Amino acid sequence: MGSSMKYLIFGAGAVGCYVGGKLAAAGADVVFYGREKIAKTIAQHGLSLSHHHDEAVHVPHPKFSTTLDGLHDPDMILLCVKSQDTQAAAEEISTHFPPSVSVLSLQNGVDNVPLLREALPGRTILGGMVPYSVTGVGEGVFHQGMDGALVFEQDPVAAELVEACQGAGLDACTSPNITGVLWGKLLINLNNALNVLADMPLKDQFRQREYRRLFAALIREGLSVLKAAGVEATGSGKTTPKRVARLFDIPDFVFYPLSNRILKMDPKARSSMWQDLQTGRASEIDHLQGAVCRLGKKVGVATPLNDKVTHLVNQAFADGVSPALSGRDLREQLSKMD
């Protein structure tokens, strides 16, 4: 039995199509709002949702719109646009939907919820965290490449969404400290930039110790900033940034035997930022590394490694191609930027 709530997936890209598709397959009332290209693909092929170890789900005729005009008011908007598009999305929501419609952000970064609350006063705005990558692999197929539970800000409305997600086969829970969860996810997402520079599946990247050490160093730099700012990055479940930094810093002979148990992901999974580079979309680096660097300046903590990685990723996006560096080559290039 599907949820009685009506959902609008605002920004139906990979994550939006996957989460919304699972809800729709379980009987929930879901409308997808997104780009014309995705709309045409789904109209032709339907929506298929695959998982690296679960059975695939197919939604033959999802309700997809490329305009907000004429849509019935949903109970909740699941906002899935890129962080750089949040302001424009807030303006569209304000124009088309009354304050009774709540908004739950399923976006990377920590600035979206404050921005939405300022732009949409008097409306229930909640934070949310998606712990896994989703890849659009063509012909309406969206693939979840790793495990994890969705986390929503604690609220009665979110509790109903958790129930709907669980009924749809999506692990989900609420948290009273969504800020800590989002910062924890942001620190883990600092690897998105490294994956752009590596141009290889995440599992292959993590088998290179130099890449693991760089990832751990990025996290520790971020943790130093957060400590100075009085912010605790809690992460989700057992996946805390401190634990990840310790784990990824260990030698190969210790890491390799553990990797199959630790890295529960599809062998071909890559970061969302790498996908953005391939499709010519703008990078979210300013909302990931950029958030750490801005807060570092505010609290007086230097962030040289995140600064350098930001520069290299911006160059890759300007060139439209990854430099495809090994971990050792990247370490050497970063050392020359001092």
Protein backbone atom coordinates (compact mmCIF):
# COMPACT_ATOMS: atom_id res chain seq x y z
CA MET A 1 0.00 0.00 0.00
CA GLY A 2 1.54 3.33 -1.06
CA SER A 3 1.78 6.50 0.97
CA SER A 4 -1.28 8.76 1.11
CA MET A 5 0.96 11.79 0.59
CA LYS A 6 1.46 13.37 -2.80
CA TYR A 7 5.09 13.97 -3.76
CA LEU A 8 6.69 16.22 -6.37
CA ILE A 9 10.24 15.32 -7.36
CA PHE A 10 11.63 18.76 -8.19
CA GLY A 11 14.73 18.23 -10.31
CA ALA A 12 14.24 14.68 -11.53
CA GLY A 13 17.80 13.69 -12.32
CA ALA A 14 19.53 10.54 -11.14
CA VAL A 15 18.73 10.77 -7.41
CA GLY A 16 15.25 12.19 -7.94
CA CYS A 17 14.28 9.53 -10.48
CA TYR A 18 15.61 6.76 -8.24
CA VAL A 19 13.98 7.81 -4.96
CA GLY A 20 10.78 8.99 -6.63
CA GLY A 21 10.67 5.91 -8.83
CA LYS A 22 10.91 3.56 -5.86
CA LEU A 23 8.10 5.43 -4.12
CA ALA A 24 5.96 5.36 -7.29
CA ALA A 25 6.59 1.63 -7.78
CA ALA A 26 5.27 1.04 -4.26
CA GLY A 27 2.04 2.90 -5.06
CA ALA A 28 2.78 6.45 -3.89
CA ASP A 29 1.41 9.43 -5.83
CA VAL A 30 4.57 10.88 -7.39
CA VAL A 31 5.02 13.50 -10.09
CA PHE A 32 8.47 14.09 -11.59
CA TYR A 33 9.54 17.56 -12.76
CA GLY A 34 12.67 17.75 -14.84
CA ARG A 35 14.41 18.34 -18.14
CA GLU A 36 12.92 17.62 -21.56
CA LYS A 37 15.69 15.13 -22.40
CA ILE A 38 14.89 12.92 -19.40
CA ALA A 39 11.15 13.30 -19.99
CA LYS A 40 11.46 11.97 -23.56
CA THR A 41 13.65 9.06 -22.49
CA ILE A 42 11.26 8.00 -19.74
CA ALA A 43 8.23 8.43 -22.02
CA GLN A 44 9.88 5.98 -24.43
CA HIS A 45 11.34 3.44 -22.01
CA GLY A 46 9.60 3.96 -18.67
CA LEU A 47 11.62 4.21 -15.48
CA SER A 48 13.84 1.30 -14.38
CA LEU A 49 15.61 1.26 -11.02
CA SER A 50 18.48 -1.15 -10.55
CA HIS A 51 20.59 -1.91 -7.49
CA HIS A 52 23.99 -3.53 -7.16
CA HIS A 53 22.57 -6.50 -5.25
CA ASP A 54 18.74 -6.17 -5.21
CA GLU A 55 16.20 -6.97 -7.91
CA ALA A 56 15.42 -4.19 -10.40
CA VAL A 57 12.10 -2.32 -10.31
CA HIS A 58 10.27 -0.93 -13.35
CA VAL A 59 7.69 1.89 -13.50
CA PRO A 60 6.19 1.75 -17.01
CA HIS A 61 4.34 5.08 -17.07
CA PRO A 62 5.58 7.56 -14.43
CA LYS A 63 3.96 10.99 -14.31
CA PHE A 64 6.64 13.36 -15.68
CA SER A 65 6.27 17.07 -16.40
CA THR A 66 8.65 19.63 -17.84
CA THR A 67 6.57 22.51 -16.49
CA LEU A 68 5.08 23.39 -13.11
CA ASP A 69 2.10 25.10 -14.70
CA GLY A 70 -1.15 23.26 -14.07
CA LEU A 71 0.24 20.74 -11.58
CA HIS A 72 -1.89 19.92 -8.55
CA ASP A 73 -0.35 20.94 -5.24
CA PRO A 74 1.68 18.12 -3.69
CA ASP A 75 1.94 17.57 0.06
CA MET A 76 5.74 17.52 -0.12
CA ILE A 77 8.38 18.57 -2.60
CA LEU A 78 11.54 16.47 -2.64
CA LEU A 79 14.11 18.96 -3.92
CA CYS A 80 16.83 17.24 -5.94
CA VAL A 81 18.38 20.04 -8.01
CA LYS A 82 22.11 20.79 -7.88
CA SER A 83 23.07 23.16 -5.07
CA GLN A 84 23.90 25.96 -7.49
CA ASP A 85 20.26 25.86 -8.68
CA THR A 86 18.61 26.08 -5.24
CA GLN A 87 17.85 29.81 -5.37
CA ALA A 88 16.12 29.53 -8.75
CA ALA A 89 14.18 26.48 -7.52
CA ALA A 90 13.02 28.38 -4.42
CA GLU A 91 11.67 31.16 -6.62
CA GLU A 92 9.73 28.66 -8.73
CA ILE A 93 8.33 26.96 -5.64
CA SER A 94 7.24 30.30 -4.19
CA THR A 95 5.48 31.20 -7.44
CA HIS A 96 3.66 27.92 -8.02
CA PHE A 97 2.89 26.37 -4.63
CA PRO A 98 1.27 27.65 -1.41
CA PRO A 99 3.13 27.69 1.95
CA SER A 100 1.23 24.55 3.03
CA VAL A 101 3.46 22.52 0.69
CA SER A 102 6.55 21.37 2.62
CA VAL A 103 10.01 21.04 1.05
CA LEU A 104 12.62 18.41 1.87
CA SER A 105 16.09 18.95 0.41
CA LEU A 106 17.87 15.84 -0.90
CA GLN A 107 20.91 17.82 -2.03
CA ASN A 108 24.63 17.80 -1.44
CA GLY A 109 26.08 20.53 0.76
CA VAL A 110 25.09 22.35 3.93
CA ASP A 111 23.83 25.70 2.61
CA ASN A 112 20.61 24.63 0.90
CA VAL A 113 18.28 24.44 3.91
CA PRO A 114 19.25 27.91 5.29
CA LEU A 115 18.83 29.37 1.79
CA LEU A 116 15.41 27.75 1.36
CA ARG A 117 14.21 28.91 4.78
CA GLU A 118 15.20 32.47 3.97
CA ALA A 119 13.64 32.37 0.50
CA LEU A 120 10.45 30.52 1.57
CA PRO A 121 9.40 31.92 4.97
CA GLY A 122 6.42 30.33 6.71
CA ARG A 123 6.93 26.99 5.00
CA THR A 124 8.15 23.69 6.49
CA ILE A 125 11.69 23.23 5.16
CA LEU A 126 13.57 20.05 6.09
CA GLY A 127 17.05 18.77 5.40
CA GLY A 128 17.78 15.32 4.03
CA MET A 129 20.80 13.23 3.16
CA VAL A 130 21.29 10.67 0.38
CA PRO A 131 24.28 8.45 1.28
CA TYR A 132 24.80 6.77 -2.08
CA SER A 133 25.48 7.65 -5.69
CA VAL A 134 22.93 6.99 -8.41
CA THR A 135 23.97 6.76 -12.04
CA GLY A 136 21.80 7.23 -15.11
CA VAL A 137 22.94 4.46 -17.44
CA GLY A 138 20.60 5.20 -20.36
CA GLU A 139 17.15 4.19 -21.63
CA GLY A 140 15.45 5.25 -18.39
CA VAL A 141 17.64 3.09 -16.14
CA PHE A 142 18.98 4.55 -12.88
CA HIS A 143 21.40 2.47 -10.85
CA GLN A 144 22.11 2.66 -7.11
CA GLY A 145 25.78 1.74 -6.84
CA MET A 146 26.25 1.48 -3.06
CA ASP A 147 24.36 0.92 0.19
CA GLY A 148 23.13 3.32 2.87
CA ALA A 149 20.04 4.78 4.52
CA LEU A 150 18.33 8.03 3.60
CA VAL A 151 18.30 10.42 6.58
CA PHE A 152 15.66 13.13 7.04
CA GLU A 153 15.40 15.93 9.56
CA GLN A 154 13.20 14.86 12.47
CA ASP A 155 9.63 16.06 11.91
CA PRO A 156 6.16 14.44 11.79
CA VAL A 157 6.02 14.98 8.01
CA ALA A 158 9.43 13.33 7.61
CA ALA A 159 8.30 10.39 9.75
CA GLU A 160 5.55 9.67 7.22
CA LEU A 161 8.09 9.86 4.40
CA VAL A 162 10.33 7.37 6.25
CA GLU A 163 7.40 4.95 6.43
CA ALA A 164 6.73 5.37 2.72
CA CYS A 165 10.41 4.85 1.86
CA GLN A 166 10.67 1.71 3.97
CA GLY A 167 7.56 0.34 2.30
CA ALA A 168 9.22 1.03 -1.05
CA GLY A 169 12.41 -0.84 -0.18
CA LEU A 170 14.44 2.27 0.62
CA ASP A 171 16.27 2.29 3.95
CA ALA A 172 15.42 5.56 5.72
CA CYS A 173 15.36 7.16 9.17
CA THR A 174 15.12 10.57 10.82
CA SER A 175 17.72 12.48 12.82
CA PRO A 176 17.39 15.30 15.37
CA ASN A 177 20.79 16.61 14.23
CA ILE A 178 20.51 16.93 10.46
CA THR A 179 23.18 19.65 10.42
CA GLY A 180 25.74 17.21 11.81
CA VAL A 181 24.59 14.54 9.35
CA LEU A 182 24.90 16.94 6.40
CA TRP A 183 28.37 18.07 7.43
CA GLY A 184 29.37 14.43 7.82
CA LYS A 185 28.11 13.66 4.32
CA LEU A 186 29.87 16.75 2.97
CA LEU A 187 33.22 15.57 4.34
CA ILE A 188 32.70 12.15 2.75
CA ASN A 189 31.72 13.92 -0.48
CA LEU A 190 35.14 15.62 -0.57
CA ASN A 191 36.20 12.48 -2.46
CA ASN A 192 33.86 13.44 -5.32
CA ALA A 193 36.53 15.87 -6.48
CA LEU A 194 39.27 13.25 -6.30
CA ASN A 195 37.15 10.90 -8.39
CA VAL A 196 36.94 13.59 -11.07
CA LEU A 197 40.73 13.85 -11.12
CA ALA A 198 41.17 10.05 -11.09
CA ASP A 199 38.66 9.26 -13.88
CA MET A 200 38.12 5.71 -12.66
CA PRO A 201 35.49 3.75 -10.69
CA LEU A 202 35.50 4.44 -6.96
CA LYS A 203 36.57 0.92 -6.05
CA ASP A 204 39.59 1.17 -8.34
CA GLN A 205 40.43 4.60 -6.97
CA PHE A 206 40.29 3.36 -3.38
CA ARG A 207 42.70 0.54 -4.17
CA GLN A 208 45.40 3.18 -4.68
CA ARG A 209 46.81 4.09 -1.27
CA GLU A 210 47.84 7.58 -2.38
CA TYR A 211 44.22 8.37 -3.24
CA ARG A 212 43.04 6.97 0.07
CA ARG A 213 45.64 9.05 1.94
CA LEU A 214 44.60 12.21 0.05
CA PHE A 215 40.93 11.53 0.85
CA ALA A 216 41.78 11.06 4.55
CA ALA A 217 43.80 14.29 4.52
CA LEU A 218 40.90 16.23 2.98
CA ILE A 219 38.58 14.93 5.69
CA ARG A 220 41.01 15.78 8.51
CA GLU A 221 41.46 19.29 7.15
CA GLY A 222 37.67 19.66 7.16
CA LEU A 223 37.40 18.27 10.69
CA SER A 224 39.94 20.85 11.89
CA VAL A 225 37.78 23.60 10.43
CA LEU A 226 34.62 22.22 12.01
CA LYS A 227 36.31 21.85 15.41
CA ALA A 228 37.28 25.52 15.34
CA ALA A 229 33.71 26.41 14.32
CA GLY A 230 32.18 24.28 17.10
CA VAL A 231 30.42 21.96 14.65
CA GLU A 232 30.33 18.18 15.04
CA ALA A 233 30.08 16.14 11.84
CA THR A 234 28.17 13.06 12.97
CA GLY A 235 27.76 11.25 9.71
CA SER A 236 25.22 8.45 9.39
CA GLY A 237 25.32 5.20 11.34
CA LYS A 238 28.85 3.86 11.64
CA THR A 239 30.12 5.92 8.69
CA THR A 240 31.55 8.92 10.54
CA PRO A 241 34.22 11.11 8.92
CA LYS A 242 36.74 10.36 11.67
CA ARG A 243 36.32 6.62 11.19
CA VAL A 244 36.59 6.92 7.39
CA ALA A 245 39.78 9.00 7.67
CA ARG A 246 41.39 6.42 9.97
CA LEU A 247 40.31 3.53 7.79
CA PHE A 248 41.46 5.00 4.50
CA ASP A 249 44.88 5.85 5.91
CA ILE A 250 45.87 2.23 6.61
CA PRO A 251 48.42 0.36 4.44
CA ASP A 252 47.36 -1.75 1.47
CA PHE A 253 48.10 -5.09 3.13
CA VAL A 254 45.57 -4.24 5.86
CA PHE A 255 43.06 -2.42 3.64
CA TYR A 256 42.75 -4.96 0.82
CA PRO A 257 41.43 -7.88 2.94
CA LEU A 258 38.85 -5.52 4.45
CA SER A 259 37.83 -3.80 1.22
CA ASN A 260 35.15 -6.25 0.07
CA ARG A 261 33.36 -5.91 3.40
CA ILE A 262 33.92 -2.17 3.71
CA LEU A 263 33.30 -1.00 0.16
CA LYS A 264 29.74 -2.18 -0.42
CA MET A 265 29.38 -0.62 -3.83
CA ASP A 266 29.06 -1.51 -7.46
CA PRO A 267 32.48 -2.05 -9.11
CA LYS A 268 31.55 0.58 -11.71
CA ALA A 269 30.18 3.24 -9.29
CA ARG A 270 31.55 6.75 -9.69
CA SER A 271 30.88 10.08 -8.02
CA SER A 272 28.09 12.45 -9.04
CA MET A 273 30.69 15.15 -9.77
CA TRP A 274 32.41 12.83 -12.25
CA GLN A 275 29.01 12.29 -13.91
CA ASP A 276 28.54 16.07 -14.10
CA LEU A 277 31.85 16.41 -15.94
CA GLN A 278 30.85 13.74 -18.46
CA THR A 279 27.51 15.40 -19.19
CA GLY A 280 28.77 18.99 -19.35
CA ARG A 281 26.95 20.16 -16.23
CA ALA A 282 28.41 22.62 -13.74
CA SER A 283 30.46 21.33 -10.82
CA GLU A 284 29.20 21.35 -7.22
CA ILE A 285 32.76 21.89 -5.94
CA ASP A 286 31.87 25.32 -4.53
CA HIS A 287 29.28 23.64 -2.29
CA LEU A 288 31.62 20.88 -1.10
CA GLN A 289 35.31 21.86 -0.91
CA GLY A 290 34.14 25.46 -1.18
CA ALA A 291 32.05 25.20 1.99
CA VAL A 292 35.07 23.90 3.94
CA CYS A 293 37.34 26.64 2.57
CA ARG A 294 34.86 29.44 3.30
CA LEU A 295 34.28 28.27 6.85
CA GLY A 296 38.04 27.86 7.29
CA LYS A 297 38.58 31.50 6.38
CA LYS A 298 35.81 32.53 8.76
CA VAL A 299 37.33 30.70 11.76
CA GLY A 300 40.99 31.27 10.84
CA VAL A 301 41.93 27.71 9.84
CA ALA A 302 43.94 27.22 6.63
CA THR A 303 42.64 24.73 4.07
CA PRO A 304 45.52 24.37 1.57
CA LEU A 305 44.68 20.87 0.35
CA ASN A 306 41.01 21.61 -0.30
CA ASP A 307 42.03 24.88 -1.99
CA LYS A 308 44.41 23.07 -4.36
CA VAL A 309 41.96 20.30 -5.19
CA THR A 310 39.31 22.93 -5.94
CA HIS A 311 41.68 24.61 -8.39
CA LEU A 312 42.42 21.35 -10.22
CA VAL A 313 38.75 20.36 -10.45
CA ASN A 314 37.78 23.80 -11.76
CA GLN A 315 40.49 23.39 -14.41
CA ALA A 316 39.13 19.95 -15.37
CA PHE A 317 35.63 21.37 -15.79
CA ALA A 318 37.00 24.31 -17.80
CA ASP A 319 38.80 21.83 -20.08
CA GLY A 320 35.78 19.53 -20.20
CA VAL A 321 37.91 16.46 -19.48
CA SER A 322 39.50 14.72 -16.50
CA PRO A 323 43.30 14.73 -16.24
CA ALA A 324 43.03 11.02 -15.30
CA LEU A 325 45.82 11.15 -12.73
CA SER A 326 47.10 8.28 -10.65
CA GLY A 327 47.17 8.92 -6.92
CA ARG A 328 50.94 9.28 -7.01
CA ASP A 329 50.82 11.76 -9.91
CA LEU A 330 48.16 13.81 -8.16
CA ARG A 331 50.18 13.88 -4.94
CA GLU A 332 53.21 15.12 -6.91
CA GLN A 333 51.17 17.77 -8.72
CA LEU A 334 49.69 19.04 -5.45
CA SER A 335 53.16 19.29 -3.90
CA LYS A 336 54.28 21.54 -6.76
CA MET A 337 51.40 23.95 -6.08
CA ASP A 338 52.89 25.15 -2.76
